[in-house]
Protein backbone atom coordinates (compact mmCIF):
# COMPACT_ATOMS: atom_id res chain seq x y z
CA MET A 1 169.28 88.44 81.34
CA ALA A 2 172.86 90.03 80.23
CA GLU A 3 173.42 90.89 83.96
CA ARG A 4 172.58 86.55 84.90
CA THR A 5 174.63 85.94 82.08
CA THR A 6 177.78 88.22 83.14
CA ILE A 7 177.73 86.59 86.69
CA ALA A 8 177.48 82.94 85.37
CA ARG A 9 180.47 82.95 83.35
CA PRO A 10 183.00 82.91 85.90
CA TYR A 11 181.72 79.92 87.38
CA ALA A 12 180.81 78.35 83.91
CA GLN A 13 184.13 78.24 82.91
CA ALA A 14 185.77 76.91 86.85
CA VAL A 15 183.16 74.26 86.05
CA PHE A 16 184.85 73.63 82.24
CA GLU A 17 188.64 74.20 83.37
CA LEU A 18 187.65 71.23 86.24
CA ALA A 19 185.59 69.14 83.58
CA ARG A 20 188.88 69.49 80.74
CA ASP A 21 191.46 68.84 83.31
CA ALA A 22 189.60 65.97 84.69
CA LYS A 23 188.38 64.78 81.33
CA GLY A 24 184.54 64.90 82.36
CA TYR A 25 182.93 66.61 80.14
CA LYS A 26 179.86 64.61 79.94
CA LYS A 27 179.52 63.94 83.99
CA TRP A 28 179.83 67.60 84.38
CA SER A 29 176.90 68.30 81.93
CA GLU A 30 174.42 65.88 83.21
CA ALA A 31 175.06 67.26 87.05
CA LEU A 32 174.57 70.74 85.57
CA ALA A 33 171.39 69.68 83.84
CA ILE A 34 169.87 68.27 86.71
CA ALA A 35 170.99 71.86 89.09
CA ALA A 36 169.57 73.77 86.68
CA GLN A 37 166.93 71.77 86.58
CA VAL A 38 165.94 71.96 90.55
CA ALA A 39 166.57 75.46 90.75
CA ALA A 40 164.55 75.93 87.36
CA ASP A 41 161.47 74.88 89.30
CA PRO A 42 158.66 77.35 90.98
CA GLN A 43 159.34 76.26 94.40
CA VAL A 44 162.71 75.11 94.92
CA GLU A 45 163.14 79.49 92.92
CA GLU A 46 161.07 80.43 96.00
CA ILE A 47 162.87 79.15 98.60
CA ILE A 48 166.29 80.04 97.47
CA ASP A 49 165.05 83.37 97.74
CA SER A 50 163.30 82.97 101.06
CA PRO A 51 165.13 85.89 103.57
CA ARG A 52 163.57 83.17 106.23
CA VAL A 53 165.52 79.78 105.13
CA THR A 54 169.07 79.46 106.10
CA ARG A 55 171.74 79.10 103.60
CA GLU A 56 172.29 75.47 104.57
CA GLN A 57 169.24 74.40 104.80
CA VAL A 58 168.70 75.74 100.61
CA VAL A 59 171.82 73.17 100.17
CA ASN A 60 170.73 70.45 102.08
CA LEU A 61 167.04 70.21 100.20
CA PHE A 62 168.48 70.95 97.01
CA LEU A 63 171.43 68.92 97.85
CA GLU A 64 168.32 65.84 98.78
CA VAL A 65 166.12 67.04 95.74
CA CYS A 66 169.13 66.42 93.06
CA GLY A 67 169.72 62.58 95.29
CA LYS A 68 172.54 60.92 94.05
CA ALA A 69 172.56 62.25 90.99
CA LEU A 70 176.07 64.51 92.12
CA ASP A 71 179.09 63.39 93.31
CA GLN A 72 180.96 64.69 96.08
CA GLN A 73 182.31 67.44 93.27
CA SER A 74 179.08 68.50 92.29
CA LYS A 75 178.09 68.98 95.51
CA ASN A 76 180.42 70.82 96.33
CA PHE A 77 179.84 73.41 93.86
CA ILE A 78 175.88 73.73 94.71
CA ARG A 79 177.48 74.69 98.19
CA LEU A 80 179.97 77.46 97.25
CA LEU A 81 176.82 78.70 94.74
CA ALA A 82 174.83 79.05 97.83
CA GLU A 83 176.94 80.66 100.10
CA ASN A 84 177.69 83.09 97.24
CA HIS A 85 173.78 83.50 96.87
CA ARG A 86 174.29 82.32 93.00
CA LEU A 87 171.73 79.06 93.31
CA ALA A 88 169.65 80.89 90.58
CA LEU A 89 172.67 80.80 88.25
CA LEU A 90 171.98 77.37 87.45
CA PRO A 91 170.41 77.69 84.52
CA GLU A 92 172.55 80.24 82.82
CA ILE A 93 175.69 78.60 83.68
CA ALA A 94 174.65 74.96 82.85
CA ALA A 95 173.92 76.90 78.85
CA LEU A 96 177.50 78.43 78.85
CA TYR A 97 179.40 76.04 80.38
CA GLU A 98 177.63 73.18 77.24
CA ILE A 99 178.70 76.07 74.60
CA ALA A 100 182.22 75.89 75.55
CA ARG A 101 181.87 72.71 76.00
CA SER A 102 180.84 72.08 72.37
CA GLU A 103 183.78 74.51 71.50
CA ALA A 104 186.02 72.11 73.46
CA GLU A 105 185.44 69.00 71.43
CA GLY A 106 184.53 71.10 68.01
CA THR A 107 180.51 69.64 68.10
CA VAL A 108 177.32 72.49 67.82
CA THR A 109 173.57 71.56 68.18
CA ALA A 110 171.61 72.91 65.37
CA GLU A 111 167.95 73.79 66.35
CA VAL A 112 166.01 72.44 62.78
CA THR A 113 162.04 73.53 62.73
CA SER A 114 160.89 72.46 59.65
CA ALA A 115 157.27 72.47 58.20
CA ALA A 116 156.93 68.24 57.95
CA PRO A 117 159.07 66.33 59.58
CA LEU A 118 162.05 65.63 57.96
CA THR A 119 163.51 61.86 56.95
CA ASP A 120 166.21 60.37 57.68
CA ALA A 121 168.49 60.98 54.52
CA GLN A 122 167.31 64.95 54.78
CA GLN A 123 168.67 65.40 58.57
CA GLN A 124 171.51 63.16 56.87
CA ALA A 125 172.22 66.12 53.79
CA ILE A 126 171.37 68.78 56.67
CA ALA A 127 173.86 67.69 59.16
CA ALA A 128 176.59 67.09 56.78
CA ALA A 129 176.33 70.18 54.85
CA LEU A 130 175.83 71.81 57.64
CA SER A 131 179.27 70.68 59.25
CA LYS A 132 180.92 71.58 55.56
CA ARG A 133 179.77 75.14 56.51
CA LEU A 134 180.57 74.84 60.24
CA GLU A 135 183.74 72.85 60.17
CA ARG A 136 182.44 71.24 63.33
CA LYS A 137 180.59 68.07 63.93
CA VAL A 138 176.73 68.78 63.72
CA SER A 139 174.21 66.98 65.91
CA LEU A 140 170.14 67.50 65.11
CA GLU A 141 167.38 68.88 67.14
CA CYS A 142 163.66 68.95 65.04
CA LYS A 143 160.77 70.19 65.66
CA ILE A 144 157.40 70.44 63.17
CA ASP A 145 156.49 73.96 62.96
CA ASP A 146 153.20 73.54 60.41
CA SER A 147 153.09 77.60 60.14
CA LEU A 148 156.29 77.97 58.08
CA LEU A 149 154.19 76.21 55.41
CA GLY A 150 157.16 74.57 53.78
CA GLY A 151 160.84 74.29 54.02
CA ALA A 152 162.81 75.06 57.12
CA VAL A 153 164.51 77.23 59.53
CA ILE A 154 168.33 75.84 60.96
CA ARG A 155 169.84 77.28 63.50
CA ALA A 156 173.10 77.21 64.71
CA GLY A 157 174.57 79.18 67.04
CA ASP A 158 174.28 82.41 65.81
CA LEU A 159 174.49 81.18 62.29
CA VAL A 160 170.10 81.43 61.41
CA ILE A 161 169.07 80.17 57.89
CA ASP A 162 165.38 80.84 56.92
CA GLY A 163 164.28 78.55 54.11
CA SER A 164 160.61 78.27 54.85
CA VAL A 165 157.64 79.43 52.83
CA HIS A 166 157.01 82.00 55.41
CA GLY A 167 160.03 83.82 55.68
CA LYS A 168 160.87 83.48 51.44
CA LEU A 169 157.39 85.43 51.53
CA GLN A 170 158.16 87.84 54.28
CA ARG A 171 161.00 89.10 52.30
CA LEU A 172 159.09 89.01 48.83
CA GLY A 173 157.21 91.56 51.14
CA SER A 174 159.64 93.10 52.63
CA ARG A 175 161.05 93.95 48.60
CA LEU A 176 157.30 94.87 46.83
CA LEU A 177 156.68 97.13 49.96
CA ALA A 178 160.63 99.06 49.51
C-alpha cells in the first residue's frame, strides 16, 4: 500500500496546487471523490487493467461514467492518469488531496465511534475539546459500535483517544498480566 501512496503523492500534490491557485478546493474534492469511486468499482478496475482495451477507450468509458461531474480540467487530469497508467491510483490521490486540503484550511475530520448515539451537546463538547487540543476546526463523523460496551474511541489524523470501556478493560488486563 505504501508504494501506491508514494506513486500517488506527486499527482495529489499537483492537483492540490492547481486547486490552491484557482481557489477551487471544493470543486477538486468533489471531482476526485467521484473519479475515485469510479476507479474503485471492480468492473472498472478490470477494464483499466485489461490489455485488450486501449487507453483512449478506457478514458472515454471513464469520462462517460463520471458524466457531467467533471469539468475540462478534471477530464484532462483523468487523461493524464490514463496515459501514465495511473487511473487505479485515484482513491489514493483523492485521499492524499483531502489531507493536503484539510492542512491548508486548518481543519480536521475526527471519527468518533461510540457505544451509543451521542447527543448534540456531547458532539459539540468533543468537537470543542479536539479543536482546542489540535488547534484546528474539527468536524465529527459519528459511528456506533455496541461492542465498545460504553465510552468512545476518537480518531483524528494520527491521534487516537480510546476512552471506551472495552479499551479500558484491555489496558487493565495488560497491567494485571505485567
